[in-house]
């Protein structure tokens, strides 16, 4: 029956959970790093399946690296420190819970999310101009979406889950959240936006008086009919748009 099958599955999985729980206590950072790397990769695989594009395994490896090298150890450190920061409020469960949720959502999450956009973009070799435009387009809306999900998840997590399991709960829920972040992160910034800003900056440097003075002097020095060349330069200056 269904009940017997469930019981057998739980019986088989119990040693795995016990071993994992022991690893969380004995080697918290290494365990969280491996867990985060695996779950970030899983989230990206899910995202790419939803997008329907040809599978990009390098993208998955990049996000796995971010989870392993950055998100995993940072989350492990943060939840341990967060518990110490708010420990003096433990007598009042409501204040204790509200303080942890507030600090997690308003102090930790904004820079953590920014680091996700910046680090993954740099790993892919994007320019700072591209990253700046990406942050302008996506950061605020992504953080607002974050505020819809994580305060509720964290309130339940902090209230019901032991400290050494809290980061795992976050990483597990993050499979779906990471899929969303991966899709947001890999929505391309319109190339014409970055190109227009670069062209504008180049054009501004060409239109400076110093540039035209230098150009006129160069022509005057190198051509015997310099007055004709200067008239050409003057006409070009008048024809340049403001």
C-alpha atoms as a PDB file:
ATOM      1  CA  UNK A   1       0.000   0.000   0.000  1.00  0.00           C
ATOM      2  CA  UNK A   2       0.875   3.678  -0.240  1.00  0.00           C
ATOM      3  CA  UNK A   3       1.428   3.966   3.533  1.00  0.00           C
ATOM      4  CA  UNK A   4       3.820   1.005   3.599  1.00  0.00           C
ATOM      5  CA  UNK A   5       5.771   2.405   0.657  1.00  0.00           C
ATOM      6  CA  UNK A   6       6.109   5.758   2.421  1.00  0.00           C
ATOM      7  CA  UNK A   7       7.316   4.093   5.604  1.00  0.00           C
ATOM      8  CA  UNK A   8       9.918   2.085   3.699  1.00  0.00           C
ATOM      9  CA  UNK A   9      11.137   5.212   1.941  1.00  0.00           C
ATOM     10  CA  UNK A  10      11.459   7.080   5.251  1.00  0.00           C
ATOM     11  CA  UNK A  11      13.307   4.126   6.759  1.00  0.00           C
ATOM     12  CA  UNK A  12      15.804   4.147   3.898  1.00  0.00           C
ATOM     13  CA  UNK A  13      16.255   7.915   3.940  1.00  0.00           C
ATOM     14  CA  UNK A  14      16.673   8.243   7.712  1.00  0.00           C
ATOM     15  CA  UNK A  15      20.366   7.191   7.745  1.00  0.00           C
ATOM     16  CA  UNK A  16      21.096   9.712   4.984  1.00  0.00           C
ATOM     17  CA  UNK A  17      19.486  12.547   6.933  1.00  0.00           C
ATOM     18  CA  UNK A  18      21.276  11.474  10.101  1.00  0.00           C
ATOM     19  CA  UNK A  19      24.635  11.478   8.308  1.00  0.00           C
ATOM     20  CA  UNK A  20      23.900  14.847   6.766  1.00  0.00           C
ATOM     21  CA  UNK A  21      22.860  16.303  10.105  1.00  0.00           C
ATOM     22  CA  UNK A  22      26.118  15.047  11.638  1.00  0.00           C
ATOM     23  CA  UNK A  23      28.080  16.658   8.805  1.00  0.00           C
ATOM     24  CA  UNK A  24      26.278  19.978   9.366  1.00  0.00           C
ATOM     25  CA  UNK A  25      27.363  19.943  12.993  1.00  0.00           C
ATOM     26  CA  UNK A  26      30.910  18.665  12.491  1.00  0.00           C
ATOM     27  CA  UNK A  27      31.856  20.400   9.217  1.00  0.00           C
ATOM     28  CA  UNK A  28      29.274  23.165   8.740  1.00  0.00           C
ATOM     29  CA  UNK A  29      31.101  25.272   6.166  1.00  0.00           C
ATOM     30  CA  UNK A  30      32.223  22.437   3.891  1.00  0.00           C
ATOM     31  CA  UNK A  31      28.770  20.838   4.048  1.00  0.00           C
ATOM     32  CA  UNK A  32      26.955  24.094   3.305  1.00  0.00           C
ATOM     33  CA  UNK A  33      29.317  24.905   0.426  1.00  0.00           C
ATOM     34  CA  UNK A  34      28.710  21.554  -1.268  1.00  0.00           C
ATOM     35  CA  UNK A  35      24.966  21.819  -0.611  1.00  0.00           C
ATOM     36  CA  UNK A  36      24.724  25.345  -1.994  1.00  0.00           C
ATOM     37  CA  UNK A  37      26.741  24.505  -5.101  1.00  0.00           C
ATOM     38  CA  UNK A  38      24.515  21.510  -5.837  1.00  0.00           C
ATOM     39  CA  UNK A  39      21.255  23.383  -5.283  1.00  0.00           C
ATOM     40  CA  UNK A  40      22.283  26.455  -7.287  1.00  0.00           C
ATOM     41  CA  UNK A  41      23.169  24.150 -10.174  1.00  0.00           C
ATOM     42  CA  UNK A  42      19.808  22.382  -9.793  1.00  0.00           C
ATOM     43  CA  UNK A  43      17.982  25.708  -9.870  1.00  0.00           C
ATOM     44  CA  UNK A  44      19.740  26.716 -13.088  1.00  0.00           C
ATOM     45  CA  UNK A  45      18.956  23.385 -14.771  1.00  0.00           C
ATOM     46  CA  UNK A  46      15.289  23.971 -13.891  1.00  0.00           C
ATOM     47  CA  UNK A  47      15.493  27.536 -15.226  1.00  0.00           C
ATOM     48  CA  UNK A  48      17.004  26.443 -18.524  1.00  0.00           C
ATOM     49  CA  UNK A  49      14.338  23.767 -18.951  1.00  0.00           C
ATOM     50  CA  UNK A  50      11.645  26.414 -18.430  1.00  0.00           C
ATOM     51  CA  UNK A  51      13.331  28.785 -20.883  1.00  0.00           C
ATOM     52  CA  UNK A  52      13.423  26.119 -23.598  1.00  0.00           C
ATOM     53  CA  UNK A  53      16.754  27.230 -25.050  1.00  0.00           C
ATOM     54  CA  UNK A  54      19.658  24.881 -25.908  1.00  0.00           C
ATOM     55  CA  UNK A  55      21.232  23.759 -22.646  1.00  0.00           C
ATOM     56  CA  UNK A  56      24.279  25.789 -21.558  1.00  0.00           C
ATOM     57  CA  UNK A  57      26.314  23.669 -19.129  1.00  0.00           C
ATOM     58  CA  UNK A  58      28.864  26.459 -18.618  1.00  0.00           C
ATOM     59  CA  UNK A  59      26.118  28.671 -17.222  1.00  0.00           C
ATOM     60  CA  UNK A  60      25.190  25.920 -14.756  1.00  0.00           C
ATOM     61  CA  UNK A  61      28.824  25.541 -13.706  1.00  0.00           C
ATOM     62  CA  UNK A  62      29.120  29.290 -13.140  1.00  0.00           C
ATOM     63  CA  UNK A  63      26.094  29.327 -10.850  1.00  0.00           C
ATOM     64  CA  UNK A  64      27.300  26.193  -9.070  1.00  0.00           C
ATOM     65  CA  UNK A  65      30.603  27.967  -8.459  1.00  0.00           C
ATOM     66  CA  UNK A  66      28.781  31.018  -7.081  1.00  0.00           C
ATOM     67  CA  UNK A  67      26.803  28.821  -4.697  1.00  0.00           C
ATOM     68  CA  UNK A  68      29.855  26.834  -3.625  1.00  0.00           C
ATOM     69  CA  UNK A  69      32.361  29.669  -3.240  1.00  0.00           C
ATOM     70  CA  UNK A  70      30.135  32.527  -2.105  1.00  0.00           C
ATOM     71  CA  UNK A  71      26.517  31.843  -1.178  1.00  0.00           C
ATOM     72  CA  UNK A  72      27.160  28.643   0.796  1.00  0.00           C
ATOM     73  CA  UNK A  73      29.823  29.929   3.206  1.00  0.00           C
ATOM     74  CA  UNK A  74      28.162  33.342   3.496  1.00  0.00           C
ATOM     75  CA  UNK A  75      24.797  31.855   4.487  1.00  0.00           C
ATOM     76  CA  UNK A  76      26.476  29.548   6.976  1.00  0.00           C
ATOM     77  CA  UNK A  77      28.275  32.487   8.591  1.00  0.00           C
ATOM     78  CA  UNK A  78      25.206  34.732   8.555  1.00  0.00           C
ATOM     79  CA  UNK A  79      22.753  32.394  10.284  1.00  0.00           C
ATOM     80  CA  UNK A  80      25.229  31.687  13.056  1.00  0.00           C
ATOM     81  CA  UNK A  81      25.894  35.408  13.584  1.00  0.00           C
ATOM     82  CA  UNK A  82      22.215  36.296  13.283  1.00  0.00           C
ATOM     83  CA  UNK A  83      21.378  33.947  16.137  1.00  0.00           C
ATOM     84  CA  UNK A  84      24.028  35.612  18.313  1.00  0.00           C
ATOM     85  CA  UNK A  85      22.924  39.131  17.330  1.00  0.00           C
ATOM     86  CA  UNK A  86      19.354  38.458  18.478  1.00  0.00           C
ATOM     87  CA  UNK A  87      20.011  36.037  21.325  1.00  0.00           C
ATOM     88  CA  UNK A  88      19.314  38.709  23.965  1.00  0.00           C
ATOM     89  CA  UNK A  89      15.699  38.803  22.713  1.00  0.00           C
ATOM     90  CA  UNK A  90      15.126  35.052  23.032  1.00  0.00           C
ATOM     91  CA  UNK A  91      12.896  35.475  26.094  1.00  0.00           C
ATOM     92  CA  UNK A  92      10.341  37.294  23.962  1.00  0.00           C
ATOM     93  CA  UNK A  93       9.600  34.948  21.068  1.00  0.00           C
ATOM     94  CA  UNK A  94       7.752  37.540  18.984  1.00  0.00           C
ATOM     95  CA  UNK A  95      10.556  40.140  19.219  1.00  0.00           C
ATOM     96  CA  UNK A  96      13.151  37.440  18.665  1.00  0.00           C
ATOM     97  CA  UNK A  97      11.439  36.212  15.498  1.00  0.00           C
ATOM     98  CA  UNK A  98      10.611  39.685  14.151  1.00  0.00           C
ATOM     99  CA  UNK A  99      14.179  40.905  14.695  1.00  0.00           C
ATOM    100  CA  UNK A 100      15.679  37.948  12.851  1.00  0.00           C
ATOM    101  CA  UNK A 101      13.308  38.298   9.909  1.00  0.00           C
ATOM    102  CA  UNK A 102      13.912  42.078   9.725  1.00  0.00           C
ATOM    103  CA  UNK A 103      17.711  41.772   9.861  1.00  0.00           C
ATOM    104  CA  UNK A 104      17.725  38.962   7.324  1.00  0.00           C
ATOM    105  CA  UNK A 105      15.482  40.749   4.837  1.00  0.00           C
ATOM    106  CA  UNK A 106      16.617  44.355   5.228  1.00  0.00           C
ATOM    107  CA  UNK A 107      20.286  44.077   6.259  1.00  0.00           C
ATOM    108  CA  UNK A 108      21.577  40.848   4.739  1.00  0.00           C
ATOM    109  CA  UNK A 109      19.508  40.340   1.597  1.00  0.00           C
ATOM    110  CA  UNK A 110      20.044  43.649  -0.314  1.00  0.00           C
ATOM    111  CA  UNK A 111      23.866  43.330  -0.523  1.00  0.00           C
ATOM    112  CA  UNK A 112      23.604  39.562  -0.969  1.00  0.00           C
ATOM    113  CA  UNK A 113      21.363  40.022  -4.004  1.00  0.00           C
ATOM    114  CA  UNK A 114      23.610  42.743  -5.404  1.00  0.00           C
ATOM    115  CA  UNK A 115      26.606  40.438  -5.033  1.00  0.00           C
ATOM    116  CA  UNK A 116      24.740  37.788  -7.037  1.00  0.00           C
ATOM    117  CA  UNK A 117      24.234  40.124 -10.003  1.00  0.00           C
ATOM    118  CA  UNK A 118      27.763  41.536  -9.838  1.00  0.00           C
ATOM    119  CA  UNK A 119      29.695  38.308  -9.221  1.00  0.00           C
ATOM    120  CA  UNK A 120      27.919  36.176 -11.824  1.00  0.00           C
ATOM    121  CA  UNK A 121      28.207  38.972 -14.402  1.00  0.00           C
ATOM    122  CA  UNK A 122      31.931  39.397 -13.774  1.00  0.00           C
ATOM    123  CA  UNK A 123      32.462  35.626 -14.033  1.00  0.00           C
ATOM    124  CA  UNK A 124      30.814  35.770 -17.473  1.00  0.00           C
ATOM    125  CA  UNK A 125      33.118  38.621 -18.514  1.00  0.00           C
ATOM    126  CA  UNK A 126      30.551  41.412 -18.768  1.00  0.00           C
ATOM    127  CA  UNK A 127      31.641  45.050 -18.586  1.00  0.00           C
ATOM    128  CA  UNK A 128      30.852  47.323 -15.649  1.00  0.00           C
ATOM    129  CA  UNK A 129      28.614  49.358 -17.973  1.00  0.00           C
ATOM    130  CA  UNK A 130      26.611  46.193 -18.734  1.00  0.00           C
ATOM    131  CA  UNK A 131      26.374  45.329 -15.027  1.00  0.00           C
ATOM    132  CA  UNK A 132      25.248  48.872 -14.209  1.00  0.00           C
ATOM    133  CA  UNK A 133      22.438  48.688 -16.761  1.00  0.00           C
ATOM    134  CA  UNK A 134      21.456  45.207 -15.597  1.00  0.00           C
ATOM    135  CA  UNK A 135      21.200  46.389 -11.996  1.00  0.00           C
ATOM    136  CA  UNK A 136      19.108  49.394 -13.063  1.00  0.00           C
ATOM    137  CA  UNK A 137      16.691  47.180 -14.958  1.00  0.00           C
ATOM    138  CA  UNK A 138      16.368  44.184 -12.647  1.00  0.00           C
ATOM    139  CA  UNK A 139      17.577  44.836  -9.085  1.00  0.00           C
ATOM    140  CA  UNK A 140      14.616  46.701  -7.559  1.00  0.00           C
ATOM    141  CA  UNK A 141      11.928  44.489  -9.109  1.00  0.00           C
ATOM    142  CA  UNK A 142      13.830  41.341  -8.092  1.00  0.00           C
ATOM    143  CA  UNK A 143      14.237  42.560  -4.509  1.00  0.00           C
ATOM    144  CA  UNK A 144      10.523  43.383  -4.291  1.00  0.00           C
ATOM    145  CA  UNK A 145       9.745  39.856  -5.478  1.00  0.00           C
ATOM    146  CA  UNK A 146      12.171  38.605  -2.825  1.00  0.00           C
ATOM    147  CA  UNK A 147      10.174  40.499  -0.181  1.00  0.00           C
ATOM    148  CA  UNK A 148       7.014  38.651  -1.178  1.00  0.00           C
ATOM    149  CA  UNK A 149       8.546  35.223  -0.572  1.00  0.00           C
ATOM    150  CA  UNK A 150      11.339  35.185   1.952  1.00  0.00           C
ATOM    151  CA  UNK A 151       9.929  36.929   5.055  1.00  0.00           C
ATOM    152  CA  UNK A 152       7.257  34.221   5.315  1.00  0.00           C
ATOM    153  CA  UNK A 153       9.733  31.412   4.617  1.00  0.00           C
ATOM    154  CA  UNK A 154      12.223  32.776   7.133  1.00  0.00           C
ATOM    155  CA  UNK A 155       9.621  33.351   9.833  1.00  0.00           C
ATOM    156  CA  UNK A 156       8.681  29.669   9.635  1.00  0.00           C
ATOM    157  CA  UNK A 157      12.326  28.660   9.316  1.00  0.00           C
ATOM    158  CA  UNK A 158      13.512  30.617  12.368  1.00  0.00           C
ATOM    159  CA  UNK A 159      10.568  29.511  14.488  1.00  0.00           C
ATOM    160  CA  UNK A 160      10.466  25.779  13.756  1.00  0.00           C
ATOM    161  CA  UNK A 161      13.892  24.725  12.447  1.00  0.00           C
ATOM    162  CA  UNK A 162      17.059  24.127  14.525  1.00  0.00           C
ATOM    163  CA  UNK A 163      19.910  26.542  13.827  1.00  0.00           C
ATOM    164  CA  UNK A 164      22.198  24.099  12.014  1.00  0.00           C
ATOM    165  CA  UNK A 165      19.383  23.151   9.589  1.00  0.00           C
ATOM    166  CA  UNK A 166      18.261  26.703   8.767  1.00  0.00           C
ATOM    167  CA  UNK A 167      20.688  27.295   5.904  1.00  0.00           C
ATOM    168  CA  UNK A 168      19.621  23.969   4.364  1.00  0.00           C
ATOM    169  CA  UNK A 169      15.975  25.062   4.452  1.00  0.00           C
ATOM    170  CA  UNK A 170      16.956  28.279   2.689  1.00  0.00           C
ATOM    171  CA  UNK A 171      18.951  26.402   0.038  1.00  0.00           C
ATOM    172  CA  UNK A 172      16.111  23.919  -0.509  1.00  0.00           C
ATOM    173  CA  UNK A 173      13.479  26.623  -1.016  1.00  0.00           C
ATOM    174  CA  UNK A 174      16.067  28.366  -3.167  1.00  0.00           C
ATOM    175  CA  UNK A 175      15.869  25.681  -5.857  1.00  0.00           C
ATOM    176  CA  UNK A 176      12.761  27.417  -7.174  1.00  0.00           C
ATOM    177  CA  UNK A 177      14.016  30.878  -6.233  1.00  0.00           C
ATOM    178  CA  UNK A 178      17.387  30.248  -7.871  1.00  0.00           C
ATOM    179  CA  UNK A 179      15.604  29.185 -11.051  1.00  0.00           C
ATOM    180  CA  UNK A 180      13.812  32.533 -11.012  1.00  0.00           C
ATOM    181  CA  UNK A 181      17.049  34.442 -10.303  1.00  0.00           C
ATOM    182  CA  UNK A 182      18.842  32.573 -13.067  1.00  0.00           C
ATOM    183  CA  UNK A 183      16.167  33.541 -15.592  1.00  0.00           C
ATOM    184  CA  UNK A 184      16.224  37.168 -14.440  1.00  0.00           C
ATOM    185  CA  UNK A 185      20.012  37.285 -14.469  1.00  0.00           C
ATOM    186  CA  UNK A 186      20.248  35.867 -17.999  1.00  0.00           C
ATOM    187  CA  UNK A 187      17.669  38.177 -19.530  1.00  0.00           C
ATOM    188  CA  UNK A 188      19.960  40.192 -21.731  1.00  0.00           C
ATOM    189  CA  UNK A 189      20.337  43.916 -21.284  1.00  0.00           C
ATOM    190  CA  UNK A 190      19.281  45.413 -24.653  1.00  0.00           C
ATOM    191  CA  UNK A 191      22.545  45.833 -26.518  1.00  0.00           C
ATOM    192  CA  UNK A 192      21.401  49.132 -27.976  1.00  0.00           C
ATOM    193  CA  UNK A 193      21.213  50.638 -24.462  1.00  0.00           C
ATOM    194  CA  UNK A 194      24.861  49.937 -23.699  1.00  0.00           C
ATOM    195  CA  UNK A 195      25.895  50.781 -27.271  1.00  0.00           C
ATOM    196  CA  UNK A 196      24.055  54.104 -27.142  1.00  0.00           C
ATOM    197  CA  UNK A 197      25.750  55.084 -23.884  1.00  0.00           C
ATOM    198  CA  UNK A 198      29.175  54.135 -25.260  1.00  0.00           C
ATOM    199  CA  UNK A 199      28.539  56.034 -28.512  1.00  0.00           C
ATOM    200  CA  UNK A 200      27.315  59.076 -26.598  1.00  0.00           C
ATOM    201  CA  UNK A 201      30.456  59.118 -24.452  1.00  0.00           C
ATOM    202  CA  UNK A 202      32.697  58.786 -27.534  1.00  0.00           C
ATOM    203  CA  UNK A 203      30.786  61.480 -29.369  1.00  0.00           C
ATOM    204  CA  UNK A 204      31.044  63.860 -26.425  1.00  0.00           C
ATOM    205  CA  UNK A 205      34.818  63.465 -26.384  1.00  0.00           C
ATOM    206  CA  UNK A 206      35.002  64.190 -30.124  1.00  0.00           C
ATOM    207  CA  UNK A 207      32.896  67.327 -29.804  1.00  0.00           C
ATOM    208  CA  UNK A 208      35.035  69.039 -27.151  1.00  0.00           C
ATOM    209  CA  UNK A 209      36.609  72.388 -28.160  1.00  0.00           C
ATOM    210  CA  UNK A 210      40.065  71.034 -27.285  1.00  0.00           C
ATOM    211  CA  UNK A 211      39.653  68.246 -29.853  1.00  0.00           C
ATOM    212  CA  UNK A 212      38.666  70.638 -32.657  1.00  0.00           C
ATOM    213  CA  UNK A 213      41.393  73.143 -31.772  1.00  0.00           C
ATOM    214  CA  UNK A 214      43.962  70.343 -31.908  1.00  0.00           C
ATOM    215  CA  UNK A 215      42.553  69.049 -35.192  1.00  0.00           C
ATOM    216  CA  UNK A 216      42.619  72.508 -36.765  1.00  0.00           C
ATOM    217  CA  UNK A 217      46.196  73.123 -35.652  1.00  0.00           C
ATOM    218  CA  UNK A 218      47.270  69.761 -37.044  1.00  0.00           C
ATOM    219  CA  UNK A 219      45.700  70.462 -40.429  1.00  0.00           C
ATOM    220  CA  UNK A 220      47.169  73.982 -40.559  1.00  0.00           C
ATOM    221  CA  UNK A 221      50.629  72.628 -39.849  1.00  0.00           C
ATOM    222  CA  UNK A 222      50.506  69.742 -42.314  1.00  0.00           C
ATOM    223  CA  UNK A 223      48.796  71.347 -45.329  1.00  0.00           C
ATOM    224  CA  UNK A 224      49.960  74.371 -47.341  1.00  0.00           C
ATOM    225  CA  UNK A 225      46.357  75.370 -48.120  1.00  0.00           C
ATOM    226  CA  UNK A 226      45.428  75.422 -44.462  1.00  0.00           C
ATOM    227  CA  UNK A 227      42.756  78.117 -44.794  1.00  0.00           C
ATOM    228  CA  UNK A 228      40.739  75.774 -47.040  1.00  0.00           C
ATOM    229  CA  UNK A 229      41.100  72.910 -44.533  1.00  0.00           C
ATOM    230  CA  UNK A 230      40.060  75.162 -41.651  1.00  0.00           C
ATOM    231  CA  UNK A 231      36.895  76.072 -43.530  1.00  0.00           C
ATOM    232  CA  UNK A 232      36.142  72.349 -43.922  1.00  0.00           C
ATOM    233  CA  UNK A 233      36.652  71.805 -40.195  1.00  0.00           C
ATOM    234  CA  UNK A 234      34.385  74.775 -39.398  1.00  0.00           C
ATOM    235  CA  UNK A 235      31.665  73.386 -41.659  1.00  0.00           C
ATOM    236  CA  UNK A 236      31.938  69.976 -39.933  1.00  0.00           C
ATOM    237  CA  UNK A 237      31.605  71.636 -36.528  1.00  0.00           C
ATOM    238  CA  UNK A 238      28.448  73.459 -37.628  1.00  0.00           C
ATOM    239  CA  UNK A 239      26.974  70.240 -39.026  1.00  0.00           C
ATOM    240  CA  UNK A 240      27.495  68.239 -35.768  1.00  0.00           C
ATOM    241  CA  UNK A 241      24.203  67.771 -33.845  1.00  0.00           C
ATOM    242  CA  UNK A 242      23.982  69.287 -30.375  1.00  0.00           C
END
